[in-house]
Amino acid sequence: MRKLFSLLLIACTYKQLSAQDSLASDTSRLSLESVLKMTMAFHPVVKQADLNLENADAIILEAKGQLDPKLALDYNLKDFKETEYYNILSTSFKVPTQIGIDPKVEFSRNRGDFLNPENFISNSTDNRQVAVGFSIPIGKGLFFDERRNTIQQAKAFSQIAKADQLKEINKILFSVVKDYWEWYYSYRKQELLAQAIVLAENLFDRTLIDYEFGEAAVVDTLQAKINYQKRIVDFQKSVLEVQLSKLNLSRHFWSNDLIPLEIAENVLPDSSSLFITPTDDQLATNVRNAMESHPEIQKLEGKKEQLNFDLRWRRESLKPQVDLSYSFIDAPLDPDFSSRSIDFGENYKLGVDFSIPIFLRKERGKLQQTKVKLLSNDYSLAQNQVNIKNSIFGKFAESITLQELLSQYQGVSDNYRRLLNAEIINLQNGEADLFKINIQQDKYIEAQIDFYEAFMKWEKSKADYLHAAGIPYLGLSALFGRID
C-alpha cells in the first residue's frame, strides 16, 4: 500500500514539475502582438498623439491664410432733402505674396454734390475709376517679413508635432510591453507555486501515512503541514499579483467606442516575443540614426529651425519701415475694363510710408532674447544627444547581459529540479527526510522564479533598447501598417 502510494506520489510530482506549459482545454492565449495591435487601433493616447499631426496641419493652413487674396468693398451714401451729398463705392482685390510684393486692383465710383475733392472722379468716365498697382516694403520686410516668418514657423512646428506623436506612441507601446511581461511573469510564478502546493500536499499526505504506520514522528507531520500551509499562502499572494498585473495590462484595452475592456479569466499570456536581441552592427547604426532622428532630437531641431527663422525676422526688424505703393490710374485697364497704354509719368498714385524707433530698444531686446533661446536650445541638443547615446549603450549592455544570464538561470533551475526529484526518490527509499526535501523545493522554486524574472527583464530590455534609440513604433511599423 505504502509502496504503491509512493510511486504514485513520485509520478504525480514529476509530471507537475515537468509539464509547466500545460493548459486546461478551456483557456486561450493572448499574444503580445495582439495586444499591441489593439493598442495602436483603439488606445486613446495613440489617437490623441495622432491629433498632433492634424493640429500641425491646421496651424500651417492658418499661417498660409495670410497669403489668401482679399476682396474688400466700402460703400457710403448720404442723401438729405433730395440732395445726394455723396455716393462713394470703393472695391479692391489684393493678392499677398511670399516675396513681399502685393499686387492690388481697385475700382471706385464716386459722385455727389458735396463730394470731398480727393474722392472726385471725372464725369467723362461716368464717375468710375480703375487703379492697378502694387505695394512693396523697401526697408524692413523686403527680404523677410512677419508673414513669411509665421509660415516658416508653422512648417517647423509640423516637425515638432511629428516628433511628439512618435514620442507618445513609443512611450505607450513600451508601457504595454512592460505590463505584458509583468503579467506573464506573475502568471508563471503562480503556475509554479500551484505545482509546489501539489508536492507539499502529497508530502503531507505521505507523512500522515508514515505516522499511522509508526515510521514518522508527530513533529514530522507538523513540519509537513507547515510547509503545505506556507505553499498555500505563497500561492494566494501570487494569485493577487496575477490579478493586479492583469488589471494593469487591461488599462491598455479599449473598444472603438472608447469603452475600457478587461482580460477574461480564461485568457493566459503567451511567451512569443516580437523583438530580437540587438547586435553590435545594429548598435552602431542605431546610435548614428538616433543622433538625428530620435524624437527628442527632432523636437529640438524643429525648435532650432523656428528660432532661426525668428532670429532672421528680429534682425530684419532693426531696419526702418519704408513701404512704397504705386498704382496706375485707368491703366492698363480703363473703367470699362478695356486695355489702355501705360504712362509712368502721369495718371498714377504714389505713396511712401516711413517710420523707425529712435533707440530700437524693443527690437534689440527681442533679438537678444532670441539669441539666448537659440543658444539654450543648442545646449539642450548637445546634452540630449549625449544622454540618448549613453542610454542606448546602457540598454544594449543590459539586453546582452540578460540574454547570457538567462541560460545560466535555466541551468541552475534544471539542476535544482533534478536534486528535488532525487530527494523525493530517496525519501521513497527511506534515505531522505522532509527537511531536505523542503530545502530543495525552496531552492528550486527560487531558481525557477529567478529564471522567469530574468526572462521578463530580458524581453523588456529588448523593447527598452528600441525605445531608447527612438525607433518609430519600436520597429513594428509594418505590423501596424504605418510608415516610419
Protein backbone atom coordinates (compact mmCIF):
# COMPACT_ATOMS: atom_id res chain seq x y z
CA MET A 1 0.00 0.00 0.00
CA ARG A 2 2.74 2.44 1.04
CA LYS A 3 4.87 1.32 -1.92
CA LEU A 4 2.06 2.00 -4.38
CA PHE A 5 1.31 5.39 -2.86
CA SER A 6 4.97 6.42 -3.06
CA LEU A 7 5.16 5.52 -6.74
CA LEU A 8 2.01 7.49 -7.46
CA LEU A 9 3.42 10.42 -5.50
CA ILE A 10 6.67 10.41 -7.47
CA ALA A 11 4.88 10.14 -10.81
CA CYS A 12 2.50 12.94 -9.95
CA THR A 13 5.28 15.22 -8.70
CA TYR A 14 7.49 14.59 -11.74
CA LYS A 15 4.61 15.31 -14.07
CA GLN A 16 3.75 18.54 -12.29
CA LEU A 17 7.37 19.73 -12.35
CA SER A 18 7.96 18.83 -16.00
CA ALA A 19 4.75 19.87 -17.75
CA GLN A 20 4.80 23.55 -16.82
CA ASP A 21 3.32 24.72 -20.09
CA SER A 22 0.22 22.53 -19.96
CA LEU A 23 -3.12 24.34 -20.12
CA ALA A 24 -6.70 23.48 -19.46
CA SER A 25 -8.78 22.93 -22.55
CA ASP A 26 -11.00 25.92 -21.80
CA THR A 27 -8.20 28.51 -21.84
CA SER A 28 -6.78 30.62 -24.67
CA ARG A 29 -3.58 32.53 -25.28
CA LEU A 30 -3.27 36.27 -25.73
CA SER A 31 -0.11 37.21 -27.61
CA LEU A 32 1.87 40.41 -27.25
CA GLU A 33 1.32 41.06 -30.95
CA SER A 34 -2.46 41.08 -30.48
CA VAL A 35 -2.18 43.40 -27.50
CA LEU A 36 -0.03 45.90 -29.40
CA LYS A 37 -2.30 45.83 -32.45
CA MET A 38 -5.32 46.57 -30.28
CA THR A 39 -3.41 49.35 -28.53
CA MET A 40 -2.48 51.03 -31.80
CA ALA A 41 -6.03 50.71 -33.11
CA PHE A 42 -8.08 51.92 -30.15
CA HIS A 43 -5.93 53.37 -27.35
CA PRO A 44 -6.99 56.98 -26.60
CA VAL A 45 -3.39 58.10 -26.04
CA VAL A 46 -2.47 56.87 -29.54
CA LYS A 47 -5.48 58.64 -31.02
CA GLN A 48 -4.57 61.77 -29.08
CA ALA A 49 -0.98 61.59 -30.36
CA ASP A 50 -2.26 61.35 -33.93
CA LEU A 51 -4.19 64.56 -33.33
CA ASN A 52 -0.85 66.37 -33.01
CA LEU A 53 -0.32 65.99 -36.75
CA GLU A 54 -3.83 67.20 -37.54
CA ASN A 55 -3.25 70.20 -35.30
CA ALA A 56 0.06 70.93 -37.07
CA ASP A 57 -1.68 70.79 -40.46
CA ALA A 58 -4.31 73.21 -39.14
CA ILE A 59 -1.60 75.60 -37.93
CA ILE A 60 0.11 75.53 -41.34
CA LEU A 61 -3.23 76.14 -43.02
CA GLU A 62 -3.85 79.10 -40.71
CA ALA A 63 -0.41 80.55 -41.46
CA LYS A 64 -0.87 80.19 -45.20
CA GLY A 65 -4.13 82.06 -44.81
CA GLN A 66 -2.07 85.24 -44.70
CA LEU A 67 -1.47 84.72 -48.42
CA ASP A 68 -5.15 84.44 -49.23
CA PRO A 69 -6.38 87.00 -51.79
CA LYS A 70 -8.59 89.60 -50.15
CA LEU A 71 -11.66 91.19 -51.64
CA ALA A 72 -12.90 94.37 -49.93
CA LEU A 73 -15.85 96.69 -50.50
CA ASP A 74 -16.62 100.06 -48.94
CA TYR A 75 -19.85 101.90 -49.73
CA ASN A 76 -21.02 105.22 -48.25
CA LEU A 77 -24.11 107.21 -49.24
CA LYS A 78 -25.62 110.42 -47.89
CA ASP A 79 -28.89 111.74 -49.28
CA PHE A 80 -30.57 114.63 -47.49
CA LYS A 81 -33.60 116.69 -48.63
CA GLU A 82 -33.47 115.32 -52.14
CA THR A 83 -29.79 116.18 -52.38
CA GLU A 84 -27.20 113.48 -52.87
CA TYR A 85 -24.31 114.69 -50.76
CA TYR A 86 -22.07 111.80 -51.73
CA ASN A 87 -22.29 108.33 -53.16
CA ILE A 88 -18.95 106.55 -52.75
CA LEU A 89 -18.25 102.98 -53.79
CA SER A 90 -14.78 101.54 -53.40
CA THR A 91 -13.76 97.94 -54.05
CA SER A 92 -10.35 96.34 -54.04
CA PHE A 93 -8.75 92.99 -54.72
CA LYS A 94 -5.36 92.37 -53.13
CA VAL A 95 -3.11 89.33 -53.59
CA PRO A 96 -0.46 88.91 -50.88
CA THR A 97 2.68 87.05 -51.98
CA GLN A 98 5.57 85.39 -50.20
CA ILE A 99 8.10 87.76 -51.75
CA GLY A 100 6.53 90.84 -50.17
CA ILE A 101 5.23 92.45 -53.38
CA ASP A 102 1.43 92.64 -53.14
CA PRO A 103 -0.47 93.38 -56.38
CA LYS A 104 -3.72 95.30 -55.96
CA VAL A 105 -6.67 96.22 -58.16
CA GLU A 106 -9.07 98.99 -57.09
CA PHE A 107 -12.35 100.07 -58.59
CA SER A 108 -14.08 103.27 -57.47
CA ARG A 109 -17.29 105.02 -58.38
CA ASN A 110 -17.74 108.37 -56.62
CA ARG A 111 -20.32 111.07 -57.19
CA GLY A 112 -22.29 113.64 -55.22
CA ASP A 113 -22.86 117.38 -54.84
CA PHE A 114 -20.65 117.69 -51.78
CA LEU A 115 -18.02 115.11 -52.59
CA ASN A 116 -14.64 115.52 -50.95
CA PRO A 117 -12.23 116.78 -53.65
CA GLU A 118 -9.80 113.92 -53.09
CA ASN A 119 -12.61 111.48 -53.99
CA PHE A 120 -13.61 113.35 -57.15
CA ILE A 121 -13.77 111.32 -60.35
CA SER A 122 -14.47 112.93 -63.71
CA ASN A 123 -17.91 112.57 -65.31
CA SER A 124 -16.17 111.58 -68.54
CA THR A 125 -15.74 108.06 -67.13
CA ASP A 126 -19.17 108.02 -65.54
CA ASN A 127 -17.53 108.76 -62.19
CA ARG A 128 -15.67 105.47 -62.35
CA GLN A 129 -12.00 104.77 -61.94
CA VAL A 130 -9.73 101.74 -62.01
CA ALA A 131 -6.31 101.63 -60.35
CA VAL A 132 -3.88 98.76 -60.80
CA GLY A 133 -0.70 98.75 -58.77
CA PHE A 134 1.33 97.15 -56.05
CA SER A 135 2.85 97.76 -52.63
CA ILE A 136 6.33 96.72 -51.58
CA PRO A 137 8.43 97.19 -48.44
CA ILE A 138 11.84 98.53 -49.37
CA GLY A 139 13.13 98.59 -45.79
CA LYS A 140 12.01 96.19 -43.10
CA GLY A 141 10.28 93.21 -44.67
CA LEU A 142 11.90 93.38 -48.09
CA PHE A 143 13.84 90.12 -47.72
CA PHE A 144 11.90 88.57 -44.82
CA ASP A 145 8.74 89.71 -43.13
CA GLU A 146 6.44 88.62 -40.32
CA ARG A 147 4.14 86.90 -42.79
CA ARG A 148 6.89 84.66 -44.11
CA ASN A 149 8.19 84.11 -40.58
CA THR A 150 4.78 82.84 -39.45
CA ILE A 151 4.54 80.40 -42.35
CA GLN A 152 8.02 79.03 -41.79
CA GLN A 153 7.39 78.73 -38.05
CA ALA A 154 4.25 76.71 -38.76
CA LYS A 155 6.13 74.36 -41.09
CA ALA A 156 8.81 73.83 -38.46
CA PHE A 157 6.09 73.11 -35.90
CA SER A 158 4.98 70.21 -38.09
CA GLN A 159 8.33 68.54 -37.42
CA ILE A 160 7.89 69.10 -33.69
CA ALA A 161 4.37 67.65 -33.82
CA LYS A 162 5.60 64.56 -35.65
CA ALA A 163 8.32 64.05 -33.03
CA ASP A 164 5.77 64.46 -30.22
CA GLN A 165 3.50 61.93 -31.87
CA LEU A 166 6.24 59.31 -32.15
CA LYS A 167 7.42 60.01 -28.62
CA GLU A 168 3.96 59.46 -27.12
CA ILE A 169 3.22 56.36 -29.21
CA ASN A 170 6.61 54.80 -28.44
CA LYS A 171 6.03 55.53 -24.78
CA ILE A 172 2.64 53.83 -24.68
CA LEU A 173 3.86 50.84 -26.73
CA PHE A 174 6.79 50.32 -24.38
CA SER A 175 4.42 50.60 -21.42
CA VAL A 176 2.27 47.86 -22.96
CA VAL A 177 5.31 45.63 -23.45
CA LYS A 178 6.38 46.09 -19.84
CA ASP A 179 2.91 45.41 -18.47
CA TYR A 180 2.50 42.34 -20.68
CA TRP A 181 5.68 40.70 -19.47
CA GLU A 182 4.85 41.60 -15.86
CA TRP A 183 1.62 39.70 -16.39
CA TYR A 184 3.50 36.79 -17.95
CA TYR A 185 5.95 36.69 -15.03
CA SER A 186 3.22 36.76 -12.38
CA TYR A 187 1.28 34.04 -14.22
CA ARG A 188 4.30 31.71 -14.48
CA LYS A 189 5.09 32.36 -10.84
CA GLN A 190 1.54 31.46 -9.89
CA GLU A 191 1.73 28.30 -12.01
CA LEU A 192 4.98 27.31 -10.30
CA LEU A 193 3.57 27.87 -6.81
CA ALA A 194 0.43 25.91 -7.71
CA GLN A 195 2.68 22.97 -8.55
CA ALA A 196 4.52 23.47 -5.26
CA ILE A 197 1.21 23.10 -3.42
CA VAL A 198 0.64 19.74 -5.10
CA LEU A 199 4.03 18.49 -3.98
CA ALA A 200 3.62 19.85 -0.44
CA GLU A 201 0.17 18.28 -0.16
CA ASN A 202 1.44 14.92 -1.37
CA LEU A 203 4.34 15.03 1.08
CA PHE A 204 1.96 15.93 3.89
CA ASP A 205 -0.33 13.01 2.99
CA ARG A 206 2.67 10.65 2.87
CA THR A 207 3.85 11.85 6.26
CA LEU A 208 0.44 11.14 7.75
CA ILE A 209 0.58 7.61 6.31
CA ASP A 210 4.09 7.12 7.71
CA TYR A 211 2.86 8.34 11.10
CA GLU A 212 -0.02 5.87 11.05
CA PHE A 213 2.47 3.07 10.37
CA GLY A 214 4.73 4.36 13.12
CA GLU A 215 7.55 5.41 10.74
CA ALA A 216 7.24 9.17 11.31
CA ALA A 217 7.07 11.32 14.41
CA VAL A 218 4.36 13.82 15.20
CA VAL A 219 6.82 16.65 14.62
CA ASP A 220 7.31 15.41 11.03
CA THR A 221 3.61 15.74 10.32
CA LEU A 222 3.66 19.22 11.83
CA GLN A 223 6.62 20.23 9.68
CA ALA A 224 4.92 18.86 6.55
CA LYS A 225 1.72 20.69 7.37
CA ILE A 226 3.55 23.98 7.98
CA ASN A 227 5.28 23.59 4.63
CA TYR A 228 1.93 22.85 2.96
CA GLN A 229 0.33 25.92 4.59
CA LYS A 230 3.27 28.10 3.52
CA ARG A 231 2.86 26.98 -0.08
CA ILE A 232 -0.83 27.89 0.06
CA VAL A 233 -0.01 31.36 1.42
CA ASP A 234 2.61 31.93 -1.28
CA PHE A 235 0.15 30.79 -3.93
CA GLN A 236 -2.56 33.14 -2.69
CA LYS A 237 -0.12 36.02 -2.87
CA SER A 238 0.74 35.05 -6.43
CA VAL A 239 -2.96 34.97 -7.34
CA LEU A 240 -3.24 38.57 -6.19
CA GLU A 241 -0.15 39.50 -8.20
CA VAL A 242 -1.68 37.96 -11.32
CA GLN A 243 -4.92 39.85 -10.81
CA LEU A 244 -3.11 43.14 -10.30
CA SER A 245 -0.83 42.64 -13.31
CA LYS A 246 -3.80 41.66 -15.46
CA LEU A 247 -5.68 44.78 -14.39
CA ASN A 248 -2.60 46.86 -15.10
CA LEU A 249 -2.41 45.46 -18.62
CA SER A 250 -6.16 45.84 -19.12
CA ARG A 251 -5.85 49.62 -18.91
CA HIS A 252 -4.47 49.49 -22.45
CA PHE A 253 -7.55 47.69 -23.82
CA TRP A 254 -10.22 49.87 -25.39
CA SER A 255 -13.02 49.38 -27.83
CA ASN A 256 -13.55 51.52 -30.91
CA ASP A 257 -16.15 53.47 -28.90
CA LEU A 258 -13.58 54.24 -26.15
CA ILE A 259 -15.11 51.72 -23.77
CA PRO A 260 -12.49 50.20 -21.42
CA LEU A 261 -12.18 46.42 -21.70
CA GLU A 262 -10.86 43.72 -19.39
CA ILE A 263 -8.97 40.49 -19.95
CA ALA A 264 -11.17 37.44 -19.45
CA GLU A 265 -10.34 35.00 -16.66
CA ASN A 266 -9.61 32.12 -19.04
CA VAL A 267 -7.07 34.13 -21.09
CA LEU A 268 -3.40 33.42 -20.46
CA PRO A 269 -0.20 35.12 -21.68
CA ASP A 270 1.98 33.79 -24.45
CA SER A 271 5.78 33.50 -24.36
CA SER A 272 6.22 34.51 -28.01
CA SER A 273 8.46 37.55 -28.45
CA LEU A 274 8.37 40.27 -31.12
CA PHE A 275 11.86 41.61 -30.51
CA ILE A 276 15.36 40.25 -31.04
CA THR A 277 18.48 40.93 -29.04
CA PRO A 278 20.41 43.79 -30.73
CA THR A 279 23.77 43.12 -32.35
CA ASP A 280 26.93 45.22 -32.44
CA ASP A 281 26.25 46.28 -36.02
CA GLN A 282 22.72 47.36 -35.12
CA LEU A 283 24.07 49.29 -32.15
CA ALA A 284 26.37 51.45 -34.28
CA THR A 285 23.62 52.12 -36.82
CA ASN A 286 21.00 52.90 -34.20
CA VAL A 287 23.27 55.30 -32.32
CA ARG A 288 24.12 57.13 -35.54
CA ASN A 289 20.47 57.40 -36.55
CA ALA A 290 19.35 58.43 -33.08
CA MET A 291 21.64 61.46 -33.16
CA GLU A 292 19.48 62.82 -35.98
CA SER A 293 16.08 61.13 -35.94
CA HIS A 294 15.34 60.45 -32.27
CA PRO A 295 12.03 62.17 -31.34
CA GLU A 296 13.76 64.27 -28.67
CA ILE A 297 16.39 65.38 -31.18
CA GLN A 298 13.76 66.06 -33.83
CA LYS A 299 11.85 68.25 -31.39
CA LEU A 300 14.94 70.28 -30.57
CA GLU A 301 15.89 70.53 -34.25
CA GLY A 302 12.39 71.78 -35.05
CA LYS A 303 12.63 74.30 -32.24
CA LYS A 304 16.03 75.39 -33.54
CA GLU A 305 14.59 75.91 -37.01
CA GLN A 306 11.80 78.02 -35.54
CA LEU A 307 14.29 80.12 -33.59
CA ASN A 308 16.47 80.61 -36.66
CA PHE A 309 13.51 82.00 -38.59
CA ASP A 310 12.60 84.16 -35.62
CA LEU A 311 16.19 85.39 -35.41
CA ARG A 312 16.09 86.35 -39.09
CA TRP A 313 12.89 88.32 -38.53
CA ARG A 314 14.29 90.07 -35.44
CA ARG A 315 17.33 91.18 -37.41
CA GLU A 316 15.06 92.40 -40.21
CA SER A 317 13.10 94.39 -37.62
CA LEU A 318 16.14 96.58 -36.95
CA LYS A 319 15.68 98.17 -40.37
CA PRO A 320 13.46 101.22 -40.84
CA GLN A 321 9.89 100.70 -42.04
CA VAL A 322 9.73 102.03 -45.61
CA ASP A 323 6.64 100.97 -47.58
CA LEU A 324 6.20 102.03 -51.18
CA SER A 325 2.92 101.82 -53.08
CA TYR A 326 2.34 102.72 -56.71
CA SER A 327 -0.81 102.39 -58.84
CA PHE A 328 -1.69 103.25 -62.45
CA ILE A 329 -4.96 105.09 -62.81
CA ASP A 330 -7.19 103.77 -65.59
CA ALA A 331 -4.29 101.70 -66.94
CA PRO A 332 -3.64 99.14 -68.20
CA LEU A 333 -7.44 98.86 -67.88
CA ASP A 334 -10.00 101.64 -68.09
CA PRO A 335 -13.31 101.68 -66.15
CA ASP A 336 -14.87 99.61 -68.92
CA PHE A 337 -12.01 97.12 -68.43
CA SER A 338 -10.65 97.77 -71.91
CA SER A 339 -6.90 97.75 -72.37
CA ARG A 340 -5.05 101.05 -72.15
CA SER A 341 -1.43 102.04 -72.61
CA ILE A 342 0.74 102.66 -69.53
CA ASP A 343 2.37 106.02 -68.90
CA PHE A 344 4.60 106.12 -65.82
CA GLY A 345 4.75 109.89 -65.86
CA GLU A 346 1.08 110.69 -65.34
CA ASN A 347 -2.18 109.25 -64.05
CA TYR A 348 -0.77 107.42 -61.06
CA LYS A 349 -0.93 107.23 -57.31
CA LEU A 350 2.26 107.06 -55.26
CA GLY A 351 2.64 106.54 -51.54
CA VAL A 352 5.64 106.24 -49.21
CA ASP A 353 5.36 105.38 -45.51
CA PHE A 354 8.44 105.74 -43.32
CA SER A 355 8.92 105.05 -39.62
CA ILE A 356 11.71 103.93 -37.29
CA PRO A 357 12.02 103.88 -33.49
CA ILE A 358 14.81 106.17 -32.31
CA PHE A 359 16.52 103.74 -29.93
CA LEU A 360 15.23 100.39 -31.23
CA ARG A 361 15.27 99.06 -27.65
CA LYS A 362 12.25 96.80 -28.17
CA GLU A 363 13.70 95.35 -31.36
CA ARG A 364 17.19 94.89 -29.93
CA GLY A 365 15.73 93.29 -26.80
CA LYS A 366 13.72 90.76 -28.77
CA LEU A 367 16.75 90.00 -30.91
CA GLN A 368 18.86 89.34 -27.82
CA GLN A 369 16.14 87.11 -26.33
CA THR A 370 16.01 85.04 -29.49
CA LYS A 371 19.79 84.62 -29.48
CA VAL A 372 19.66 83.43 -25.86
CA LYS A 373 16.87 80.95 -26.65
CA LEU A 374 18.81 79.65 -29.64
CA LEU A 375 21.97 79.17 -27.58
CA SER A 376 19.98 77.43 -24.83
CA ASN A 377 18.41 75.12 -27.40
CA ASP A 378 21.88 74.22 -28.72
CA TYR A 379 22.98 73.33 -25.18
CA SER A 380 19.89 71.14 -24.73
CA LEU A 381 20.53 69.49 -28.09
CA ALA A 382 24.12 68.60 -27.17
CA GLN A 383 23.11 67.30 -23.73
CA ASN A 384 20.25 65.21 -25.12
CA GLN A 385 22.50 63.65 -27.73
CA VAL A 386 24.90 62.51 -25.01
CA ASN A 387 22.07 61.24 -22.80
CA ILE A 388 20.46 59.32 -25.66
CA LYS A 389 23.76 57.82 -26.75
CA ASN A 390 24.57 56.67 -23.21
CA SER A 391 21.07 55.32 -22.74
CA ILE A 392 21.31 53.26 -25.94
CA PHE A 393 24.66 51.79 -24.88
CA GLY A 394 23.28 51.04 -21.42
CA LYS A 395 20.16 49.28 -22.72
CA PHE A 396 22.27 47.33 -25.20
CA ALA A 397 24.60 46.09 -22.46
CA GLU A 398 21.63 45.20 -20.27
CA SER A 399 19.97 43.18 -23.00
CA ILE A 400 23.15 41.28 -23.87
CA THR A 401 23.88 40.54 -20.21
CA LEU A 402 20.36 39.32 -19.51
CA GLN A 403 20.49 37.05 -22.54
CA GLU A 404 23.70 35.48 -21.22
CA LEU A 405 22.33 35.17 -17.69
CA LEU A 406 19.13 33.56 -18.89
CA SER A 407 20.85 30.33 -19.93
CA GLN A 408 22.66 30.24 -16.59
CA TYR A 409 19.41 30.66 -14.69
CA GLN A 410 17.86 27.89 -16.79
CA GLY A 411 20.74 25.56 -15.97
CA VAL A 412 20.53 26.31 -12.24
CA SER A 413 16.78 25.73 -12.25
CA ASP A 414 17.09 22.42 -14.11
CA ASN A 415 19.76 21.19 -11.71
CA TYR A 416 17.67 22.10 -8.66
CA ARG A 417 14.73 20.24 -10.18
CA ARG A 418 16.91 17.15 -10.59
CA LEU A 419 18.01 17.43 -6.97
CA LEU A 420 14.42 17.77 -5.81
CA ASN A 421 13.32 14.72 -7.79
CA ALA A 422 16.30 12.80 -6.42
CA GLU A 423 15.36 13.71 -2.85
CA ILE A 424 11.80 12.54 -3.49
CA ILE A 425 13.12 9.19 -4.73
CA ASN A 426 15.45 8.99 -1.71
CA LEU A 427 12.50 9.67 0.54
CA GLN A 428 10.58 6.86 -1.08
CA ASN A 429 13.56 4.59 -0.37
CA GLY A 430 13.81 5.82 3.19
CA GLU A 431 17.11 7.67 2.57
CA ALA A 432 15.95 11.29 2.99
CA ASP A 433 13.78 13.39 5.25
CA LEU A 434 11.26 16.18 4.85
CA PHE A 435 13.77 18.85 5.88
CA LYS A 436 15.98 18.12 2.88
CA ILE A 437 13.03 17.98 0.51
CA ASN A 438 11.72 21.32 1.74
CA ILE A 439 15.11 22.90 1.26
CA GLN A 440 15.44 21.51 -2.28
CA GLN A 441 11.91 22.60 -3.11
CA ASP A 442 12.61 26.11 -1.84
CA LYS A 443 15.81 26.25 -3.88
CA TYR A 444 14.05 25.01 -7.00
CA ILE A 445 11.19 27.50 -6.65
CA GLU A 446 13.65 30.32 -6.05
CA ALA A 447 15.77 29.33 -9.06
CA GLN A 448 12.76 28.96 -11.34
CA ILE A 449 11.36 32.33 -10.25
CA ASP A 450 14.77 33.86 -10.93
CA PHE A 451 14.64 32.36 -14.41
CA TYR A 452 11.17 33.78 -15.11
CA GLU A 453 12.21 37.16 -13.76
CA ALA A 454 15.33 37.18 -15.93
CA PHE A 455 13.23 36.21 -18.95
CA MET A 456 10.79 39.04 -18.20
CA LYS A 457 13.61 41.58 -17.81
CA TRP A 458 15.26 40.34 -20.99
CA GLU A 459 12.08 40.76 -23.02
CA LYS A 460 11.52 44.23 -21.58
CA SER A 461 15.15 45.21 -22.18
CA LYS A 462 14.88 44.42 -25.90
CA ALA A 463 11.91 46.75 -26.23
CA ASP A 464 13.57 49.29 -23.93
CA TYR A 465 16.58 49.37 -26.25
CA LEU A 466 14.37 50.25 -29.22
CA HIS A 467 12.57 52.84 -27.11
CA ALA A 468 15.87 54.40 -26.03
CA ALA A 469 17.02 54.51 -29.67
CA GLY A 470 13.82 56.35 -30.63
CA ILE A 471 12.95 53.85 -33.37
CA PRO A 472 9.42 54.65 -34.59
CA TYR A 473 6.76 52.28 -33.24
CA LEU A 474 9.55 50.20 -31.65
CA GLY A 475 10.42 48.87 -35.10
CA LEU A 476 6.92 47.41 -35.62
CA SER A 477 5.72 49.83 -38.29
CA ALA A 478 4.85 47.02 -40.71
CA LEU A 479 2.81 45.30 -38.02
CA PHE A 480 0.67 48.40 -37.58
CA GLY A 481 0.57 49.39 -41.25
CA ARG A 482 2.36 52.67 -40.55
CA ILE A 483 5.24 54.31 -42.37
CA ASP A 484 8.29 55.36 -40.35
